[in-house]
Amino acid sequence: MEMSVSTSQVFPVWDPAAYAMAGPTDLIELRPPPGGQPLLLEKASIETLVRAIVRGKALHVSGWTGTAKTSLIKAICLVPENFCAVCEALGFTVKPVRLFEIEMVTFETPGELLFRRALKESSTYDEESTLVRALQAASQARESHYPVIWLKEIGRVHSASIQGGLLNLMDPAEIVLWDGRRLDGRAIAWVADSNYQAERDATHVLVTFDEALQRRFVNHLTLDYLAPEQEVEVVLRLAREASIRVDEVDLVMRIIKLGQVIRRHRADGTLQSLSPPTIPAYLEMLEMTQALPHWSLFQIAKATLLGNASRDDQKLIPGVFNEVFGMPPAAEDDVLMGGNLF
């Protein structure tokens, strides 16, 4: 696979003139969410999320692990500078986002979406769920904020019936609770993230997506990995910002090519024990080549992109490395002996 450094530009979201020049498929740089790093994604993906939030729509964000689903949601919802800049560019009223994070994996039955039995002073009572409390707060925040209910990892619930239990709560007009109380559901945005568009990776999809619930999501955003040339450009840019010295662009291109080879193997059903390659993983491997110059590239790859391999997958790793860098010294002997590759 041949690749080159992309000649396309990266447009910072905080520069209105530059942002206006960017096309739908151009990369936009966002300020990092708390504890994260700068994020570069296509303009169309960013605007799809922002519009859904402003219009109070239900949006399903899906894609392979490592395609920045979580990072995108956090960068837009938790970094006012990013959200406000896109709002202004699209002509939307600028208000802050109020994000309510709901961990879907914590619900074991549909009833727990509404309440759970709780213990207080040696007696039990029905305690409102985190979702119900979030909906009440979201309904009250509509005038001053853009409220967002974030259903995290909706594909990892314990059963599809839990997803079905969301149907009555996701009413875009009036939400009726179990006790008859009514909440104004207008202007409340729902965002769910999942791996359903990449469900061959069954590790991250535990139940079939409830069809009725799926229809409630009127907006859909499927994220994919960047093209190899774009990944090279992103890594070079982020390396400069992180003060990681890049002496040879060719090394960056080879690191990313290794990631592409790993993804190809995973798509073919092999090397499932390896983590999907990500931009932070590329940067880590690049930084380790400088921090540990006495290590071989094979050792560094084993500690980063090729880490966590199962015993069976370890037998394939020398060949994967060889596709990009050439056979590592003594790797063939290590595999034949069944020993560690270090």
C-alpha atoms as a PDB file:
ATOM      1  CA  MET A   1       0.000   0.000   0.000  1.00  0.00           C
ATOM      2  CA  GLU A   2       1.560   3.239  -1.150  1.00  0.00           C
ATOM      3  CA  MET A   3       0.747   6.487   0.586  1.00  0.00           C
ATOM      4  CA  SER A   4       1.962  10.046   0.642  1.00  0.00           C
ATOM      5  CA  VAL A   5       1.574  13.092   2.826  1.00  0.00           C
ATOM      6  CA  SER A   6      -1.761  14.731   2.065  1.00  0.00           C
ATOM      7  CA  THR A   7      -1.682  18.242   0.643  1.00  0.00           C
ATOM      8  CA  SER A   8      -5.107  19.093   2.088  1.00  0.00           C
ATOM      9  CA  GLN A   9      -5.342  21.701   4.802  1.00  0.00           C
ATOM     10  CA  VAL A  10      -6.475  21.440   8.392  1.00  0.00           C
ATOM     11  CA  PHE A  11      -8.893  24.183   9.425  1.00  0.00           C
ATOM     12  CA  PRO A  12      -9.074  25.243  13.099  1.00  0.00           C
ATOM     13  CA  VAL A  13     -12.599  25.624  14.438  1.00  0.00           C
ATOM     14  CA  TRP A  14     -11.641  28.762  16.369  1.00  0.00           C
ATOM     15  CA  ASP A  15     -10.745  30.654  13.155  1.00  0.00           C
ATOM     16  CA  PRO A  16     -14.087  31.688  11.592  1.00  0.00           C
ATOM     17  CA  ALA A  17     -12.580  32.612   8.222  1.00  0.00           C
ATOM     18  CA  ALA A  18     -10.664  29.354   7.949  1.00  0.00           C
ATOM     19  CA  TYR A  19     -13.653  27.300   9.073  1.00  0.00           C
ATOM     20  CA  ALA A  20     -15.857  28.946   6.436  1.00  0.00           C
ATOM     21  CA  MET A  21     -13.364  27.952   3.736  1.00  0.00           C
ATOM     22  CA  ALA A  22     -13.420  24.255   4.681  1.00  0.00           C
ATOM     23  CA  GLY A  23     -15.481  21.811   2.645  1.00  0.00           C
ATOM     24  CA  PRO A  24     -17.616  19.022   4.129  1.00  0.00           C
ATOM     25  CA  THR A  25     -14.795  16.446   3.882  1.00  0.00           C
ATOM     26  CA  ASP A  26     -11.987  18.731   5.054  1.00  0.00           C
ATOM     27  CA  LEU A  27     -10.447  18.145   8.465  1.00  0.00           C
ATOM     28  CA  ILE A  28     -11.400  20.502  11.276  1.00  0.00           C
ATOM     29  CA  GLU A  29      -9.228  20.778  14.371  1.00  0.00           C
ATOM     30  CA  LEU A  30     -11.197  20.939  17.621  1.00  0.00           C
ATOM     31  CA  ARG A  31      -9.960  21.966  21.027  1.00  0.00           C
ATOM     32  CA  PRO A  32      -9.399  18.865  23.180  1.00  0.00           C
ATOM     33  CA  PRO A  33     -11.944  17.711  25.752  1.00  0.00           C
ATOM     34  CA  PRO A  34     -10.735  17.598  29.363  1.00  0.00           C
ATOM     35  CA  GLY A  35      -7.824  15.195  29.615  1.00  0.00           C
ATOM     36  CA  GLY A  36      -7.788  14.601  25.863  1.00  0.00           C
ATOM     37  CA  GLN A  37      -5.785  15.797  22.894  1.00  0.00           C
ATOM     38  CA  PRO A  38      -6.696  17.949  19.889  1.00  0.00           C
ATOM     39  CA  LEU A  39      -9.159  16.202  17.620  1.00  0.00           C
ATOM     40  CA  LEU A  40      -9.246  16.375  13.829  1.00  0.00           C
ATOM     41  CA  LEU A  41     -12.400  15.181  12.087  1.00  0.00           C
ATOM     42  CA  GLU A  42     -14.318  15.897   8.908  1.00  0.00           C
ATOM     43  CA  LYS A  43     -16.446  19.043   8.959  1.00  0.00           C
ATOM     44  CA  ALA A  44     -19.591  17.143   7.956  1.00  0.00           C
ATOM     45  CA  SER A  45     -19.378  14.879  11.020  1.00  0.00           C
ATOM     46  CA  ILE A  46     -18.983  17.814  13.386  1.00  0.00           C
ATOM     47  CA  GLU A  47     -21.870  19.769  11.872  1.00  0.00           C
ATOM     48  CA  THR A  48     -24.153  16.722  11.923  1.00  0.00           C
ATOM     49  CA  LEU A  49     -23.710  16.431  15.690  1.00  0.00           C
ATOM     50  CA  VAL A  50     -24.056  20.155  16.372  1.00  0.00           C
ATOM     51  CA  ARG A  51     -27.239  20.453  14.287  1.00  0.00           C
ATOM     52  CA  ALA A  52     -28.840  17.480  16.075  1.00  0.00           C
ATOM     53  CA  ILE A  53     -28.098  19.084  19.440  1.00  0.00           C
ATOM     54  CA  VAL A  54     -29.460  22.489  18.463  1.00  0.00           C
ATOM     55  CA  ARG A  55     -32.614  21.043  16.903  1.00  0.00           C
ATOM     56  CA  GLY A  56     -33.254  18.628  19.766  1.00  0.00           C
ATOM     57  CA  LYS A  57     -33.033  15.560  17.524  1.00  0.00           C
ATOM     58  CA  ALA A  58     -32.124  11.936  18.234  1.00  0.00           C
ATOM     59  CA  LEU A  59     -28.746  11.054  16.709  1.00  0.00           C
ATOM     60  CA  HIS A  60     -27.115   7.634  16.497  1.00  0.00           C
ATOM     61  CA  VAL A  61     -23.308   7.810  16.270  1.00  0.00           C
ATOM     62  CA  SER A  62     -21.784   4.530  15.156  1.00  0.00           C
ATOM     63  CA  GLY A  63     -18.552   3.111  13.772  1.00  0.00           C
ATOM     64  CA  TRP A  64     -15.575   0.931  14.485  1.00  0.00           C
ATOM     65  CA  THR A  65     -13.758   1.100  17.794  1.00  0.00           C
ATOM     66  CA  GLY A  66     -11.159   3.856  17.595  1.00  0.00           C
ATOM     67  CA  THR A  67     -12.992   6.111  15.126  1.00  0.00           C
ATOM     68  CA  ALA A  68     -13.334   8.904  17.738  1.00  0.00           C
ATOM     69  CA  LYS A  69     -17.047   8.563  18.529  1.00  0.00           C
ATOM     70  CA  THR A  70     -16.591   9.333  22.223  1.00  0.00           C
ATOM     71  CA  SER A  71     -13.954  11.979  21.567  1.00  0.00           C
ATOM     72  CA  LEU A  72     -16.217  13.822  19.120  1.00  0.00           C
ATOM     73  CA  ILE A  73     -19.165  13.903  21.531  1.00  0.00           C
ATOM     74  CA  LYS A  74     -16.974  15.111  24.395  1.00  0.00           C
ATOM     75  CA  ALA A  75     -15.161  17.717  22.278  1.00  0.00           C
ATOM     76  CA  ILE A  76     -18.466  19.239  21.166  1.00  0.00           C
ATOM     77  CA  CYS A  77     -20.462  18.909  24.393  1.00  0.00           C
ATOM     78  CA  LEU A  78     -17.765  19.618  26.972  1.00  0.00           C
ATOM     79  CA  VAL A  79     -15.726  22.303  25.190  1.00  0.00           C
ATOM     80  CA  PRO A  80     -17.833  25.458  24.744  1.00  0.00           C
ATOM     81  CA  GLU A  81     -15.304  27.018  22.357  1.00  0.00           C
ATOM     82  CA  ASN A  82     -15.856  24.203  19.844  1.00  0.00           C
ATOM     83  CA  PHE A  83     -19.654  24.112  20.068  1.00  0.00           C
ATOM     84  CA  CYS A  84     -20.140  27.881  20.007  1.00  0.00           C
ATOM     85  CA  ALA A  85     -17.826  28.321  17.017  1.00  0.00           C
ATOM     86  CA  VAL A  86     -19.787  25.808  14.944  1.00  0.00           C
ATOM     87  CA  CYS A  87     -23.118  27.303  16.086  1.00  0.00           C
ATOM     88  CA  GLU A  88     -22.018  30.742  14.957  1.00  0.00           C
ATOM     89  CA  ALA A  89     -20.799  29.395  11.615  1.00  0.00           C
ATOM     90  CA  LEU A  90     -24.164  27.709  10.991  1.00  0.00           C
ATOM     91  CA  GLY A  91     -26.212  30.688  12.160  1.00  0.00           C
ATOM     92  CA  PHE A  92     -27.666  28.946  15.225  1.00  0.00           C
ATOM     93  CA  THR A  93     -28.466  30.668  18.500  1.00  0.00           C
ATOM     94  CA  VAL A  94     -25.451  30.292  20.760  1.00  0.00           C
ATOM     95  CA  LYS A  95     -26.207  28.677  24.127  1.00  0.00           C
ATOM     96  CA  PRO A  96     -24.117  26.285  26.241  1.00  0.00           C
ATOM     97  CA  VAL A  97     -24.642  22.534  26.140  1.00  0.00           C
ATOM     98  CA  ARG A  98     -25.740  20.693  29.252  1.00  0.00           C
ATOM     99  CA  LEU A  99     -24.685  17.080  28.922  1.00  0.00           C
ATOM    100  CA  PHE A 100     -26.241  14.187  30.859  1.00  0.00           C
ATOM    101  CA  GLU A 101     -24.169  11.011  30.560  1.00  0.00           C
ATOM    102  CA  ILE A 102     -26.138   7.774  30.963  1.00  0.00           C
ATOM    103  CA  GLU A 103     -24.160   4.523  31.223  1.00  0.00           C
ATOM    104  CA  MET A 104     -26.457   2.017  29.511  1.00  0.00           C
ATOM    105  CA  VAL A 105     -24.547  -0.999  30.779  1.00  0.00           C
ATOM    106  CA  THR A 106     -25.725  -0.253  34.353  1.00  0.00           C
ATOM    107  CA  PHE A 107     -29.374  -1.077  33.560  1.00  0.00           C
ATOM    108  CA  GLU A 108     -30.235  -4.751  34.042  1.00  0.00           C
ATOM    109  CA  THR A 109     -34.002  -4.588  33.381  1.00  0.00           C
ATOM    110  CA  PRO A 110     -36.318  -2.184  31.500  1.00  0.00           C
ATOM    111  CA  GLY A 111     -37.878  -1.105  34.807  1.00  0.00           C
ATOM    112  CA  GLU A 112     -34.538   0.202  36.023  1.00  0.00           C
ATOM    113  CA  LEU A 113     -34.718   2.875  33.339  1.00  0.00           C
ATOM    114  CA  LEU A 114     -37.378   4.440  35.587  1.00  0.00           C
ATOM    115  CA  PHE A 115     -36.459   3.515  39.155  1.00  0.00           C
ATOM    116  CA  ARG A 116     -34.538   1.099  41.355  1.00  0.00           C
ATOM    117  CA  ARG A 117     -35.098  -0.279  44.809  1.00  0.00           C
ATOM    118  CA  ALA A 118     -32.851   1.561  47.238  1.00  0.00           C
ATOM    119  CA  LEU A 119     -32.098   1.206  50.932  1.00  0.00           C
ATOM    120  CA  LYS A 120     -32.274   4.053  53.455  1.00  0.00           C
ATOM    121  CA  GLU A 121     -32.353   3.776  57.228  1.00  0.00           C
ATOM    122  CA  SER A 122     -33.112   0.033  57.119  1.00  0.00           C
ATOM    123  CA  SER A 123     -36.094   0.436  54.778  1.00  0.00           C
ATOM    124  CA  THR A 124     -36.424   0.175  51.027  1.00  0.00           C
ATOM    125  CA  TYR A 125     -37.993   2.624  48.613  1.00  0.00           C
ATOM    126  CA  ASP A 126     -38.215   3.339  44.865  1.00  0.00           C
ATOM    127  CA  GLU A 127     -35.398   5.665  43.869  1.00  0.00           C
ATOM    128  CA  GLU A 128     -35.678   7.514  40.561  1.00  0.00           C
ATOM    129  CA  SER A 129     -33.155   6.344  37.996  1.00  0.00           C
ATOM    130  CA  THR A 130     -30.273   8.465  36.753  1.00  0.00           C
ATOM    131  CA  LEU A 131     -32.102   8.691  33.419  1.00  0.00           C
ATOM    132  CA  VAL A 132     -35.334  10.039  34.932  1.00  0.00           C
ATOM    133  CA  ARG A 133     -33.415  12.569  37.014  1.00  0.00           C
ATOM    134  CA  ALA A 134     -31.503  13.619  33.898  1.00  0.00           C
ATOM    135  CA  LEU A 135     -34.726  14.055  31.920  1.00  0.00           C
ATOM    136  CA  GLN A 136     -36.263  16.241  34.619  1.00  0.00           C
ATOM    137  CA  ALA A 137     -33.169  18.443  34.717  1.00  0.00           C
ATOM    138  CA  ALA A 138     -32.956  18.532  30.915  1.00  0.00           C
ATOM    139  CA  SER A 139     -36.584  19.604  30.588  1.00  0.00           C
ATOM    140  CA  GLN A 140     -35.980  22.489  32.989  1.00  0.00           C
ATOM    141  CA  ALA A 141     -32.782  23.567  31.231  1.00  0.00           C
ATOM    142  CA  ARG A 142     -34.296  24.019  27.761  1.00  0.00           C
ATOM    143  CA  GLU A 143     -34.417  27.818  27.854  1.00  0.00           C
ATOM    144  CA  SER A 144     -30.851  28.481  28.985  1.00  0.00           C
ATOM    145  CA  HIS A 145     -29.031  25.452  27.534  1.00  0.00           C
ATOM    146  CA  TYR A 146     -29.085  22.845  24.806  1.00  0.00           C
ATOM    147  CA  PRO A 147     -29.760  19.688  26.888  1.00  0.00           C
ATOM    148  CA  VAL A 148     -28.266  16.433  25.622  1.00  0.00           C
ATOM    149  CA  ILE A 149     -29.016  12.936  26.920  1.00  0.00           C
ATOM    150  CA  TRP A 150     -26.016  10.785  25.998  1.00  0.00           C
ATOM    151  CA  LEU A 151     -26.847   7.056  25.942  1.00  0.00           C
ATOM    152  CA  LYS A 152     -23.353   5.617  26.203  1.00  0.00           C
ATOM    153  CA  GLU A 153     -22.618   2.269  24.508  1.00  0.00           C
ATOM    154  CA  ILE A 154     -26.219   1.476  23.654  1.00  0.00           C
ATOM    155  CA  GLY A 155     -25.098  -1.799  22.070  1.00  0.00           C
ATOM    156  CA  ARG A 156     -23.742  -3.128  25.361  1.00  0.00           C
ATOM    157  CA  VAL A 157     -27.021  -3.280  27.286  1.00  0.00           C
ATOM    158  CA  HIS A 158     -27.928  -6.621  28.857  1.00  0.00           C
ATOM    159  CA  SER A 159     -30.932  -7.231  26.580  1.00  0.00           C
ATOM    160  CA  ALA A 160     -32.820  -5.667  23.701  1.00  0.00           C
ATOM    161  CA  SER A 161     -35.815  -5.218  26.036  1.00  0.00           C
ATOM    162  CA  ILE A 162     -33.874  -2.475  27.824  1.00  0.00           C
ATOM    163  CA  GLN A 163     -33.568  -0.643  24.533  1.00  0.00           C
ATOM    164  CA  GLY A 164     -37.310  -1.127  24.016  1.00  0.00           C
ATOM    165  CA  GLY A 165     -37.935   0.478  27.378  1.00  0.00           C
ATOM    166  CA  LEU A 166     -36.489   3.727  26.033  1.00  0.00           C
ATOM    167  CA  LEU A 167     -39.274   4.180  23.471  1.00  0.00           C
ATOM    168  CA  ASN A 168     -41.747   6.043  25.692  1.00  0.00           C
ATOM    169  CA  LEU A 169     -38.995   8.173  27.210  1.00  0.00           C
ATOM    170  CA  MET A 170     -37.682   9.319  23.838  1.00  0.00           C
ATOM    171  CA  ASP A 171     -40.832  11.199  22.937  1.00  0.00           C
ATOM    172  CA  PRO A 172     -39.906  14.459  21.154  1.00  0.00           C
ATOM    173  CA  ALA A 173     -43.019  16.213  22.508  1.00  0.00           C
ATOM    174  CA  GLU A 174     -44.236  14.963  25.884  1.00  0.00           C
ATOM    175  CA  ILE A 175     -42.509  12.414  28.114  1.00  0.00           C
ATOM    176  CA  VAL A 176     -44.872  10.512  30.413  1.00  0.00           C
ATOM    177  CA  LEU A 177     -43.270   8.925  33.490  1.00  0.00           C
ATOM    178  CA  TRP A 178     -44.563   5.795  35.234  1.00  0.00           C
ATOM    179  CA  ASP A 179     -46.352   7.820  37.928  1.00  0.00           C
ATOM    180  CA  GLY A 180     -48.227  10.030  35.460  1.00  0.00           C
ATOM    181  CA  ARG A 181     -45.912  13.010  35.626  1.00  0.00           C
ATOM    182  CA  ARG A 182     -45.334  14.713  32.304  1.00  0.00           C
ATOM    183  CA  LEU A 183     -42.150  16.360  31.066  1.00  0.00           C
ATOM    184  CA  ASP A 184     -41.701  18.632  28.068  1.00  0.00           C
ATOM    185  CA  GLY A 185     -39.505  16.639  25.713  1.00  0.00           C
ATOM    186  CA  ARG A 186     -39.103  19.394  23.159  1.00  0.00           C
ATOM    187  CA  ALA A 187     -35.549  20.562  22.484  1.00  0.00           C
ATOM    188  CA  ILE A 188     -33.994  17.630  24.350  1.00  0.00           C
ATOM    189  CA  ALA A 189     -31.388  16.010  22.100  1.00  0.00           C
ATOM    190  CA  TRP A 190     -30.632  12.311  22.395  1.00  0.00           C
ATOM    191  CA  VAL A 191     -27.218  11.014  21.349  1.00  0.00           C
ATOM    192  CA  ALA A 192     -26.404   7.305  21.397  1.00  0.00           C
ATOM    193  CA  ASP A 193     -23.068   5.787  20.470  1.00  0.00           C
ATOM    194  CA  SER A 194     -22.520   2.194  19.408  1.00  0.00           C
ATOM    195  CA  ASN A 195     -20.573  -0.199  17.196  1.00  0.00           C
ATOM    196  CA  TYR A 196     -23.640  -1.363  15.277  1.00  0.00           C
ATOM    197  CA  GLN A 197     -22.276  -0.207  11.930  1.00  0.00           C
ATOM    198  CA  ALA A 198     -19.257  -2.418  12.615  1.00  0.00           C
ATOM    199  CA  GLU A 199     -21.086  -5.327  14.203  1.00  0.00           C
ATOM    200  CA  ARG A 200     -18.644  -7.892  12.820  1.00  0.00           C
ATOM    201  CA  ASP A 201     -16.668  -6.835  15.888  1.00  0.00           C
ATOM    202  CA  ALA A 202     -19.130  -8.724  18.112  1.00  0.00           C
ATOM    203  CA  THR A 203     -17.114  -7.976  21.232  1.00  0.00           C
ATOM    204  CA  HIS A 204     -18.708  -4.535  21.282  1.00  0.00           C
ATOM    205  CA  VAL A 205     -22.267  -5.437  20.178  1.00  0.00           C
ATOM    206  CA  LEU A 206     -24.067  -7.642  22.700  1.00  0.00           C
ATOM    207  CA  VAL A 207     -27.683  -7.385  21.470  1.00  0.00           C
ATOM    208  CA  THR A 208     -29.488  -6.729  18.211  1.00  0.00           C
ATOM    209  CA  PHE A 209     -30.517  -3.103  17.793  1.00  0.00           C
ATOM    210  CA  ASP A 210     -34.224  -2.813  18.647  1.00  0.00           C
ATOM    211  CA  GLU A 211     -35.889  -1.821  15.347  1.00  0.00           C
ATOM    212  CA  ALA A 212     -38.529   0.428  16.889  1.00  0.00           C
ATOM    213  CA  LEU A 213     -35.868   2.280  18.862  1.00  0.00           C
ATOM    214  CA  GLN A 214     -33.636   2.511  15.824  1.00  0.00           C
ATOM    215  CA  ARG A 215     -36.403   4.383  13.994  1.00  0.00           C
ATOM    216  CA  ARG A 216     -36.512   6.955  16.787  1.00  0.00           C
ATOM    217  CA  PHE A 217     -33.052   8.106  15.737  1.00  0.00           C
ATOM    218  CA  VAL A 218     -33.868  10.393  12.833  1.00  0.00           C
ATOM    219  CA  ASN A 219     -30.229  11.405  12.348  1.00  0.00           C
ATOM    220  CA  HIS A 220     -27.370   8.968  11.804  1.00  0.00           C
ATOM    221  CA  LEU A 221     -23.636   9.560  11.810  1.00  0.00           C
ATOM    222  CA  THR A 222     -21.276   6.730  10.890  1.00  0.00           C
ATOM    223  CA  LEU A 223     -17.622   7.443  11.609  1.00  0.00           C
ATOM    224  CA  ASP A 224     -14.871   5.610   9.787  1.00  0.00           C
ATOM    225  CA  TYR A 225     -11.109   5.618  10.044  1.00  0.00           C
ATOM    226  CA  LEU A 226      -9.367   8.450   8.252  1.00  0.00           C
ATOM    227  CA  ALA A 227      -7.670   7.721   4.965  1.00  0.00           C
ATOM    228  CA  PRO A 228      -3.980   6.761   5.385  1.00  0.00           C
ATOM    229  CA  GLU A 229      -2.823  10.087   3.952  1.00  0.00           C
ATOM    230  CA  GLN A 230      -5.057  11.944   6.391  1.00  0.00           C
ATOM    231  CA  GLU A 231      -3.728   9.899   9.311  1.00  0.00           C
ATOM    232  CA  VAL A 232      -0.165  10.828   8.301  1.00  0.00           C
ATOM    233  CA  GLU A 233      -1.137  14.498   8.236  1.00  0.00           C
ATOM    234  CA  VAL A 234      -2.899  14.295  11.600  1.00  0.00           C
ATOM    235  CA  VAL A 235      -0.023  12.471  13.301  1.00  0.00           C
ATOM    236  CA  LEU A 236       2.545  14.953  11.957  1.00  0.00           C
ATOM    237  CA  ARG A 237       0.434  17.877  13.159  1.00  0.00           C
ATOM    238  CA  LEU A 238      -0.225  16.434  16.611  1.00  0.00           C
ATOM    239  CA  ALA A 239       3.415  15.383  16.973  1.00  0.00           C
ATOM    240  CA  ARG A 240       4.503  18.984  16.423  1.00  0.00           C
ATOM    241  CA  GLU A 241       1.974  20.233  18.973  1.00  0.00           C
ATOM    242  CA  ALA A 242       3.195  17.651  21.493  1.00  0.00           C
ATOM    243  CA  SER A 243       6.868  18.512  20.814  1.00  0.00           C
ATOM    244  CA  ILE A 244       7.565  15.024  19.465  1.00  0.00           C
ATOM    245  CA  ARG A 245      10.480  15.323  17.069  1.00  0.00           C
ATOM    246  CA  VAL A 246       9.871  13.852  13.615  1.00  0.00           C
ATOM    247  CA  ASP A 247      13.198  13.299  11.891  1.00  0.00           C
ATOM    248  CA  GLU A 248      11.819  11.131   9.107  1.00  0.00           C
ATOM    249  CA  VAL A 249       8.333  11.415   7.638  1.00  0.00           C
ATOM    250  CA  ASP A 250       8.898   7.947   6.203  1.00  0.00           C
ATOM    251  CA  LEU A 251       8.846   6.485   9.739  1.00  0.00           C
ATOM    252  CA  VAL A 252       5.437   8.065  10.392  1.00  0.00           C
ATOM    253  CA  MET A 253       4.151   6.655   7.111  1.00  0.00           C
ATOM    254  CA  ARG A 254       5.401   3.170   8.020  1.00  0.00           C
ATOM    255  CA  ILE A 255       3.854   3.310  11.501  1.00  0.00           C
ATOM    256  CA  ILE A 256       0.500   4.181   9.973  1.00  0.00           C
ATOM    257  CA  LYS A 257       0.921   1.514   7.316  1.00  0.00           C
ATOM    258  CA  LEU A 258       1.411  -0.991  10.155  1.00  0.00           C
ATOM    259  CA  GLY A 259      -1.894   0.191  11.592  1.00  0.00           C
ATOM    260  CA  GLN A 260      -3.556  -0.301   8.211  1.00  0.00           C
ATOM    261  CA  VAL A 261      -2.206  -3.859   8.005  1.00  0.00           C
ATOM    262  CA  ILE A 262      -3.546  -4.624  11.505  1.00  0.00           C
ATOM    263  CA  ARG A 263      -6.998  -3.305  10.534  1.00  0.00           C
ATOM    264  CA  ARG A 264      -6.983  -5.439   7.392  1.00  0.00           C
ATOM    265  CA  HIS A 265      -6.185  -8.555   9.399  1.00  0.00           C
ATOM    266  CA  ARG A 266      -8.896  -7.741  11.959  1.00  0.00           C
ATOM    267  CA  ALA A 267     -11.439  -7.242   9.175  1.00  0.00           C
ATOM    268  CA  ASP A 268     -10.445 -10.661   7.818  1.00  0.00           C
ATOM    269  CA  GLY A 269     -11.089 -12.246  11.211  1.00  0.00           C
ATOM    270  CA  THR A 270      -7.499 -12.616  12.450  1.00  0.00           C
ATOM    271  CA  LEU A 271      -5.531 -10.725  15.123  1.00  0.00           C
ATOM    272  CA  GLN A 272      -8.736 -10.115  17.079  1.00  0.00           C
ATOM    273  CA  SER A 273      -6.746  -9.878  20.310  1.00  0.00           C
ATOM    274  CA  LEU A 274      -4.972  -6.718  19.120  1.00  0.00           C
ATOM    275  CA  SER A 275      -6.421  -3.328  19.955  1.00  0.00           C
ATOM    276  CA  PRO A 276      -7.648  -1.340  16.923  1.00  0.00           C
ATOM    277  CA  PRO A 277      -4.941   1.165  15.899  1.00  0.00           C
ATOM    278  CA  THR A 278      -5.676   4.755  16.910  1.00  0.00           C
ATOM    279  CA  ILE A 279      -4.004   8.136  16.516  1.00  0.00           C
ATOM    280  CA  PRO A 280      -2.812   8.125  20.190  1.00  0.00           C
ATOM    281  CA  ALA A 281      -1.268   4.676  19.582  1.00  0.00           C
ATOM    282  CA  TYR A 282       0.590   5.987  16.526  1.00  0.00           C
ATOM    283  CA  LEU A 283       1.899   8.929  18.528  1.00  0.00           C
ATOM    284  CA  GLU A 284       2.996   6.624  21.352  1.00  0.00           C
ATOM    285  CA  MET A 285       4.983   4.420  19.007  1.00  0.00           C
ATOM    286  CA  LEU A 286       6.585   7.486  17.405  1.00  0.00           C
ATOM    287  CA  GLU A 287       7.518   8.953  20.793  1.00  0.00           C
ATOM    288  CA  MET A 288       8.981   5.648  22.001  1.00  0.00           C
ATOM    289  CA  THR A 289      11.350   5.509  19.034  1.00  0.00           C
ATOM    290  CA  GLN A 290      12.917   8.693  20.419  1.00  0.00           C
ATOM    291  CA  ALA A 291      12.686   7.928  24.122  1.00  0.00           C
ATOM    292  CA  LEU A 292      14.141   4.409  23.744  1.00  0.00           C
ATOM    293  CA  PRO A 293      16.593   4.571  20.829  1.00  0.00           C
ATOM    294  CA  HIS A 294      18.338   1.386  22.048  1.00  0.00           C
ATOM    295  CA  TRP A 295      15.148  -0.618  21.387  1.00  0.00           C
ATOM    296  CA  SER A 296      14.482  -2.180  18.005  1.00  0.00           C
ATOM    297  CA  LEU A 297      11.426  -1.066  16.061  1.00  0.00           C
ATOM    298  CA  PHE A 298      10.032  -4.560  16.554  1.00  0.00           C
ATOM    299  CA  GLN A 299      10.265  -4.235  20.339  1.00  0.00           C
ATOM    300  CA  ILE A 300       8.584  -0.836  20.219  1.00  0.00           C
ATOM    301  CA  ALA A 301       5.822  -2.162  17.964  1.00  0.00           C
ATOM    302  CA  LYS A 302       5.294  -5.055  20.416  1.00  0.00           C
ATOM    303  CA  ALA A 303       4.864  -2.530  23.233  1.00  0.00           C
ATOM    304  CA  THR A 304       2.367  -0.400  21.294  1.00  0.00           C
ATOM    305  CA  LEU A 305       0.453  -1.367  18.134  1.00  0.00           C
ATOM    306  CA  LEU A 306       1.217  -5.083  18.415  1.00  0.00           C
ATOM    307  CA  GLY A 307       0.641  -5.315  22.162  1.00  0.00           C
ATOM    308  CA  ASN A 308      -1.864  -7.572  23.949  1.00  0.00           C
ATOM    309  CA  ALA A 309      -1.558 -10.289  21.334  1.00  0.00           C
ATOM    310  CA  SER A 310      -2.816 -13.694  22.412  1.00  0.00           C
ATOM    311  CA  ARG A 311      -0.468 -16.695  22.235  1.00  0.00           C
ATOM    312  CA  ASP A 312      -1.914 -17.737  18.884  1.00  0.00           C
ATOM    313  CA  ASP A 313      -1.747 -14.193  17.470  1.00  0.00           C
ATOM    314  CA  GLN A 314       1.884 -13.849  18.612  1.00  0.00           C
ATOM    315  CA  LYS A 315       2.767 -16.382  15.944  1.00  0.00           C
ATOM    316  CA  LEU A 316       1.412 -14.018  13.283  1.00  0.00           C
ATOM    317  CA  ILE A 317       3.021 -10.831  14.579  1.00  0.00           C
ATOM    318  CA  PRO A 318       6.456 -11.245  12.918  1.00  0.00           C
ATOM    319  CA  GLY A 319       4.769 -11.638   9.550  1.00  0.00           C
ATOM    320  CA  VAL A 320       2.602  -8.554  10.137  1.00  0.00           C
ATOM    321  CA  PHE A 321       5.666  -6.531  11.135  1.00  0.00           C
ATOM    322  CA  ASN A 322       7.539  -7.901   8.119  1.00  0.00           C
ATOM    323  CA  GLU A 323       4.911  -6.521   5.729  1.00  0.00           C
ATOM    324  CA  VAL A 324       5.979  -3.016   6.702  1.00  0.00           C
ATOM    325  CA  PHE A 325       9.466  -3.031   8.226  1.00  0.00           C
ATOM    326  CA  GLY A 326      11.036  -6.338   7.223  1.00  0.00           C
ATOM    327  CA  MET A 327      11.513  -9.442   9.359  1.00  0.00           C
ATOM    328  CA  PRO A 328      12.736  -8.563  12.874  1.00  0.00           C
ATOM    329  CA  PRO A 329      16.023 -10.158  13.957  1.00  0.00           C
ATOM    330  CA  ALA A 330      15.644 -13.662  15.414  1.00  0.00           C
ATOM    331  CA  ALA A 331      11.843 -13.443  15.265  1.00  0.00           C
ATOM    332  CA  GLU A 332      11.612 -16.651  13.247  1.00  0.00           C
ATOM    333  CA  ASP A 333      13.609 -18.557  15.858  1.00  0.00           C
ATOM    334  CA  ASP A 334      11.442 -17.129  18.663  1.00  0.00           C
ATOM    335  CA  VAL A 335       8.267 -18.301  16.970  1.00  0.00           C
ATOM    336  CA  LEU A 336       9.667 -21.775  16.294  1.00  0.00           C
ATOM    337  CA  MET A 337      10.741 -22.086  19.933  1.00  0.00           C
ATOM    338  CA  GLY A 338       7.320 -20.887  21.143  1.00  0.00           C
ATOM    339  CA  GLY A 339       8.965 -18.296  23.342  1.00  0.00           C
ATOM    340  CA  ASN A 340       8.431 -14.599  23.874  1.00  0.00           C
ATOM    341  CA  LEU A 341       9.257 -12.307  21.008  1.00  0.00           C
ATOM    342  CA  PHE A 342      11.236  -9.994  23.282  1.00  0.00           C
END
